[in-house]
């Protein structure tokens, strides 16, 4: 999994349940995107989750 530049969120784990109801482990990964952010007067590329990007747009 790619390392985040902001935040310390991790993937969530659970079970995959098909029609037979047999539980097999799976994980839900974060939706990580590369974003160019203006930081200290310079443009910097960061890896952020889409939820963090939406929060950043609101500020």
PDB file of N, CA and C in Angstrom:
ATOM      1  N   UNK A   1       0.831  -1.175   0.000  1.00  0.00           N
ATOM      2  CA  UNK A   1       0.000   0.000   0.000  1.00  0.00           C
ATOM      3  C   UNK A   1       0.879   1.244   0.000  1.00  0.00           C
ATOM      4  N   UNK A   2       0.494   2.263  -0.734  1.00  0.00           N
ATOM      5  CA  UNK A   2       1.262   3.496  -0.821  1.00  0.00           C
ATOM      6  C   UNK A   2       1.162   4.271   0.492  1.00  0.00           C
ATOM      7  N   UNK A   3       2.238   4.953   0.822  1.00  0.00           N
ATOM      8  CA  UNK A   3       2.264   5.733   2.063  1.00  0.00           C
ATOM      9  C   UNK A   3       1.585   7.079   1.829  1.00  0.00           C
ATOM     10  N   UNK A   4       0.759   7.479   2.777  1.00  0.00           N
ATOM     11  CA  UNK A   4       0.056   8.753   2.685  1.00  0.00           C
ATOM     12  C   UNK A   4       0.953   9.878   3.171  1.00  0.00           C
ATOM     13  N   UNK A   5       0.831  11.051   2.545  1.00  0.00           N
ATOM     14  CA  UNK A   5       1.569  12.226   2.986  1.00  0.00           C
ATOM     15  C   UNK A   5       0.811  12.949   4.098  1.00  0.00           C
ATOM     16  N   UNK A   6      -0.493  12.767   4.163  1.00  0.00           N
ATOM     17  CA  UNK A   6      -1.300  13.420   5.196  1.00  0.00           C
ATOM     18  C   UNK A   6      -2.271  12.392   5.769  1.00  0.00           C
ATOM     19  N   UNK A   7      -2.346  12.333   7.073  1.00  0.00           N
ATOM     20  CA  UNK A   7      -3.254  11.390   7.713  1.00  0.00           C
ATOM     21  C   UNK A   7      -2.605  10.046   7.937  1.00  0.00           C
ATOM     22  N   UNK A   8      -3.178   9.257   8.806  1.00  0.00           N
ATOM     23  CA  UNK A   8      -2.619   7.945   9.112  1.00  0.00           C
ATOM     24  C   UNK A   8      -3.697   6.870   9.020  1.00  0.00           C
ATOM     25  N   UNK A   9      -4.477   6.909   7.969  1.00  0.00           N
ATOM     26  CA  UNK A   9      -5.548   5.946   7.781  1.00  0.00           C
ATOM     27  C   UNK A   9      -5.006   4.662   7.185  1.00  0.00           C
ATOM     28  N   UNK A  10      -5.670   3.543   7.486  1.00  0.00           N
ATOM     29  CA  UNK A  10      -5.242   2.239   7.010  1.00  0.00           C
ATOM     30  C   UNK A  10      -6.434   1.536   6.366  1.00  0.00           C
ATOM     31  N   UNK A  11      -6.179   0.479   5.577  1.00  0.00           N
ATOM     32  CA  UNK A  11      -7.298  -0.240   4.970  1.00  0.00           C
ATOM     33  C   UNK A  11      -8.138  -0.944   6.025  1.00  0.00           C
ATOM     34  N   UNK A  12      -9.417  -1.133   5.697  1.00  0.00           N
ATOM     35  CA  UNK A  12     -10.321  -1.846   6.596  1.00  0.00           C
ATOM     36  C   UNK A  12     -10.419  -3.293   6.155  1.00  0.00           C
ATOM     37  N   UNK A  13     -10.663  -4.180   7.104  1.00  0.00           N
ATOM     38  CA  UNK A  13     -10.745  -5.607   6.827  1.00  0.00           C
ATOM     39  C   UNK A  13     -12.131  -6.119   7.136  1.00  0.00           C
ATOM     40  N   UNK A  14     -12.524  -7.182   6.441  1.00  0.00           N
ATOM     41  CA  UNK A  14     -13.834  -7.787   6.676  1.00  0.00           C
ATOM     42  C   UNK A  14     -13.931  -9.100   5.931  1.00  0.00           C
ATOM     43  N   UNK A  15     -15.155  -9.549   5.716  1.00  0.00           N
ATOM     44  CA  UNK A  15     -15.402 -10.815   5.040  1.00  0.00           C
ATOM     45  C   UNK A  15     -16.099 -10.587   3.709  1.00  0.00           C
ATOM     46  N   UNK A  16     -15.753 -11.412   2.727  1.00  0.00           N
ATOM     47  CA  UNK A  16     -16.476 -11.457   1.460  1.00  0.00           C
ATOM     48  C   UNK A  16     -17.534 -12.543   1.611  1.00  0.00           C
ATOM     49  N   UNK A  17     -18.790 -12.210   1.335  1.00  0.00           N
ATOM     50  CA  UNK A  17     -19.891 -13.149   1.529  1.00  0.00           C
ATOM     51  C   UNK A  17     -20.612 -13.420   0.209  1.00  0.00           C
ATOM     52  N   UNK A  18     -20.286 -14.515  -0.473  1.00  0.00           N
ATOM     53  CA  UNK A  18     -20.992 -14.850  -1.701  1.00  0.00           C
ATOM     54  C   UNK A  18     -22.349 -15.494  -1.391  1.00  0.00           C
ATOM     55  N   UNK A  19     -23.007 -15.983  -2.425  1.00  0.00           N
ATOM     56  CA  UNK A  19     -24.332 -16.598  -2.265  1.00  0.00           C
ATOM     57  C   UNK A  19     -24.283 -17.790  -1.323  1.00  0.00           C
ATOM     58  N   UNK A  20     -23.187 -18.541  -1.312  1.00  0.00           N
ATOM     59  CA  UNK A  20     -23.058 -19.707  -0.431  1.00  0.00           C
ATOM     60  C   UNK A  20     -22.822 -19.308   1.027  1.00  0.00           C
ATOM     61  N   UNK A  21     -22.600 -18.021   1.276  1.00  0.00           N
ATOM     62  CA  UNK A  21     -22.416 -17.462   2.615  1.00  0.00           C
ATOM     63  C   UNK A  21     -21.114 -17.915   3.270  1.00  0.00           C
ATOM     64  N   UNK A  22     -20.154 -18.397   2.460  1.00  0.00           N
ATOM     65  CA  UNK A  22     -18.847 -18.796   2.990  1.00  0.00           C
ATOM     66  C   UNK A  22     -18.003 -17.542   3.175  1.00  0.00           C
ATOM     67  N   UNK A  23     -17.481 -17.335   4.372  1.00  0.00           N
ATOM     68  CA  UNK A  23     -16.724 -16.125   4.691  1.00  0.00           C
ATOM     69  C   UNK A  23     -15.252 -16.301   4.323  1.00  0.00           C
ATOM     70  N   UNK A  24     -14.747 -15.435   3.467  1.00  0.00           N
ATOM     71  CA  UNK A  24     -13.323 -15.376   3.172  1.00  0.00           C
ATOM     72  C   UNK A  24     -12.866 -13.947   3.420  1.00  0.00           C
ATOM     73  N   UNK A  25     -11.674 -13.811   3.968  1.00  0.00           N
ATOM     74  CA  UNK A  25     -11.183 -12.489   4.350  1.00  0.00           C
ATOM     75  C   UNK A  25     -10.854 -11.638   3.115  1.00  0.00           C
ATOM     76  N   UNK A  26     -11.128 -10.350   3.225  1.00  0.00           N
ATOM     77  CA  UNK A  26     -10.788  -9.390   2.182  1.00  0.00           C
ATOM     78  C   UNK A  26     -10.496  -8.057   2.834  1.00  0.00           C
ATOM     79  N   UNK A  27      -9.995  -7.118   2.047  1.00  0.00           N
ATOM     80  CA  UNK A  27      -9.745  -5.796   2.595  1.00  0.00           C
ATOM     81  C   UNK A  27     -10.201  -4.714   1.639  1.00  0.00           C
ATOM     82  N   UNK A  28     -10.593  -3.591   2.205  1.00  0.00           N
ATOM     83  CA  UNK A  28     -11.013  -2.427   1.451  1.00  0.00           C
ATOM     84  C   UNK A  28      -9.886  -1.413   1.522  1.00  0.00           C
ATOM     85  N   UNK A  29      -9.233  -1.172   0.382  1.00  0.00           N
ATOM     86  CA  UNK A  29      -8.115  -0.239   0.329  1.00  0.00           C
ATOM     87  C   UNK A  29      -8.606   1.196   0.233  1.00  0.00           C
ATOM     88  N   UNK A  30      -7.756   2.113   0.612  1.00  0.00           N
ATOM     89  CA  UNK A  30      -8.062   3.535   0.516  1.00  0.00           C
ATOM     90  C   UNK A  30      -7.950   3.982  -0.937  1.00  0.00           C
ATOM     91  N   UNK A  31      -8.741   4.974  -1.294  1.00  0.00           N
ATOM     92  CA  UNK A  31      -8.695   5.539  -2.641  1.00  0.00           C
ATOM     93  C   UNK A  31      -7.650   6.659  -2.643  1.00  0.00           C
ATOM     94  N   UNK A  32      -6.404   6.297  -2.943  1.00  0.00           N
ATOM     95  CA  UNK A  32      -5.289   7.237  -2.879  1.00  0.00           C
ATOM     96  C   UNK A  32      -5.031   7.821  -4.263  1.00  0.00           C
ATOM     97  N   UNK A  33      -4.909   9.155  -4.298  1.00  0.00           N
ATOM     98  CA  UNK A  33      -4.657   9.870  -5.542  1.00  0.00           C
ATOM     99  C   UNK A  33      -3.452  10.779  -5.349  1.00  0.00           C
ATOM    100  N   UNK A  34      -2.741  11.069  -6.441  1.00  0.00           N
ATOM    101  CA  UNK A  34      -1.669  12.059  -6.410  1.00  0.00           C
ATOM    102  C   UNK A  34      -2.279  13.422  -6.699  1.00  0.00           C
ATOM    103  N   UNK A  35      -1.938  14.400  -5.852  1.00  0.00           N
ATOM    104  CA  UNK A  35      -2.515  15.738  -5.968  1.00  0.00           C
ATOM    105  C   UNK A  35      -1.398  16.762  -5.872  1.00  0.00           C
ATOM    106  N   UNK A  36      -1.470  17.794  -6.689  1.00  0.00           N
ATOM    107  CA  UNK A  36      -0.532  18.903  -6.590  1.00  0.00           C
ATOM    108  C   UNK A  36      -1.141  19.955  -5.671  1.00  0.00           C
ATOM    109  N   UNK A  37      -0.389  20.311  -4.616  1.00  0.00           N
ATOM    110  CA  UNK A  37      -0.882  21.222  -3.593  1.00  0.00           C
ATOM    111  C   UNK A  37       0.074  22.395  -3.471  1.00  0.00           C
ATOM    112  N   UNK A  38      -0.472  23.583  -3.286  1.00  0.00           N
ATOM    113  CA  UNK A  38       0.343  24.772  -3.051  1.00  0.00           C
ATOM    114  C   UNK A  38       0.692  24.814  -1.569  1.00  0.00           C
ATOM    115  N   UNK A  39       1.985  24.684  -1.266  1.00  0.00           N
ATOM    116  CA  UNK A  39       2.431  24.607   0.125  1.00  0.00           C
ATOM    117  C   UNK A  39       3.626  25.529   0.318  1.00  0.00           C
ATOM    118  N   UNK A  40       3.430  26.579   1.089  1.00  0.00           N
ATOM    119  CA  UNK A  40       4.525  27.518   1.334  1.00  0.00           C
ATOM    120  C   UNK A  40       4.978  28.252   0.087  1.00  0.00           C
ATOM    121  N   UNK A  41       4.067  28.505  -0.835  1.00  0.00           N
ATOM    122  CA  UNK A  41       4.403  29.209  -2.068  1.00  0.00           C
ATOM    123  C   UNK A  41       4.986  28.318  -3.150  1.00  0.00           C
ATOM    124  N   UNK A  42       5.085  27.004  -2.890  1.00  0.00           N
ATOM    125  CA  UNK A  42       5.616  26.061  -3.877  1.00  0.00           C
ATOM    126  C   UNK A  42       4.573  24.991  -4.182  1.00  0.00           C
ATOM    127  N   UNK A  43       4.601  24.471  -5.388  1.00  0.00           N
ATOM    128  CA  UNK A  43       3.700  23.393  -5.776  1.00  0.00           C
ATOM    129  C   UNK A  43       4.361  22.063  -5.417  1.00  0.00           C
ATOM    130  N   UNK A  44       3.676  21.257  -4.608  1.00  0.00           N
ATOM    131  CA  UNK A  44       4.205  19.995  -4.119  1.00  0.00           C
ATOM    132  C   UNK A  44       3.223  18.882  -4.467  1.00  0.00           C
ATOM    133  N   UNK A  45       3.740  17.735  -4.920  1.00  0.00           N
ATOM    134  CA  UNK A  45       2.896  16.584  -5.202  1.00  0.00           C
ATOM    135  C   UNK A  45       2.774  15.739  -3.942  1.00  0.00           C
ATOM    136  N   UNK A  46       1.527  15.426  -3.561  1.00  0.00           N
ATOM    137  CA  UNK A  46       1.276  14.637  -2.360  1.00  0.00           C
ATOM    138  C   UNK A  46       0.340  13.487  -2.696  1.00  0.00           C
ATOM    139  N   UNK A  47       0.397  12.421  -1.898  1.00  0.00           N
ATOM    140  CA  UNK A  47      -0.541  11.311  -2.010  1.00  0.00           C
ATOM    141  C   UNK A  47      -1.580  11.471  -0.922  1.00  0.00           C
ATOM    142  N   UNK A  48      -2.842  11.614  -1.328  1.00  0.00           N
ATOM    143  CA  UNK A  48      -3.921  11.852  -0.369  1.00  0.00           C
ATOM    144  C   UNK A  48      -5.118  10.984  -0.722  1.00  0.00           C
ATOM    145  N   UNK A  49      -5.937  10.694   0.275  1.00  0.00           N
ATOM    146  CA  UNK A  49      -7.181   9.988   0.011  1.00  0.00           C
ATOM    147  C   UNK A  49      -8.179  10.984  -0.573  1.00  0.00           C
ATOM    148  N   UNK A  50      -9.187  10.467  -1.254  1.00  0.00           N
ATOM    149  CA  UNK A  50     -10.188  11.348  -1.856  1.00  0.00           C
ATOM    150  C   UNK A  50     -10.960  12.103  -0.788  1.00  0.00           C
ATOM    151  N   UNK A  51     -11.154  11.492   0.378  1.00  0.00           N
ATOM    152  CA  UNK A  51     -11.835  12.184   1.476  1.00  0.00           C
ATOM    153  C   UNK A  51     -11.005  13.366   1.960  1.00  0.00           C
ATOM    154  N   UNK A  52      -9.680  13.208   2.026  1.00  0.00           N
ATOM    155  CA  UNK A  52      -8.800  14.308   2.430  1.00  0.00           C
ATOM    156  C   UNK A  52      -8.792  15.417   1.384  1.00  0.00           C
ATOM    157  N   UNK A  53      -8.863  15.050   0.107  1.00  0.00           N
ATOM    158  CA  UNK A  53      -8.899  16.034  -0.974  1.00  0.00           C
ATOM    159  C   UNK A  53     -10.168  16.862  -0.891  1.00  0.00           C
ATOM    160  N   UNK A  54     -11.293  16.199  -0.634  1.00  0.00           N
ATOM    161  CA  UNK A  54     -12.560  16.936  -0.492  1.00  0.00           C
ATOM    162  C   UNK A  54     -12.518  17.892   0.693  1.00  0.00           C
ATOM    163  N   UNK A  55     -11.915  17.449   1.796  1.00  0.00           N
ATOM    164  CA  UNK A  55     -11.781  18.321   2.960  1.00  0.00           C
ATOM    165  C   UNK A  55     -10.879  19.508   2.649  1.00  0.00           C
ATOM    166  N   UNK A  56      -9.807  19.273   1.912  1.00  0.00           N
ATOM    167  CA  UNK A  56      -8.886  20.337   1.540  1.00  0.00           C
ATOM    168  C   UNK A  56      -9.563  21.376   0.652  1.00  0.00           C
ATOM    169  N   UNK A  57     -10.457  20.937  -0.226  1.00  0.00           N
ATOM    170  CA  UNK A  57     -11.158  21.872  -1.123  1.00  0.00           C
ATOM    171  C   UNK A  57     -12.118  22.785  -0.352  1.00  0.00           C
ATOM    172  N   UNK A  58     -12.611  22.317   0.785  1.00  0.00           N
ATOM    173  CA  UNK A  58     -13.566  23.113   1.572  1.00  0.00           C
ATOM    174  C   UNK A  58     -12.878  24.242   2.338  1.00  0.00           C
ATOM    175  N   UNK A  59     -11.585  24.087   2.607  1.00  0.00           N
ATOM    176  CA  UNK A  59     -10.858  25.085   3.408  1.00  0.00           C
ATOM    177  C   UNK A  59     -10.493  26.274   2.578  1.00  0.00           C
TER     178      UNK A  59
END
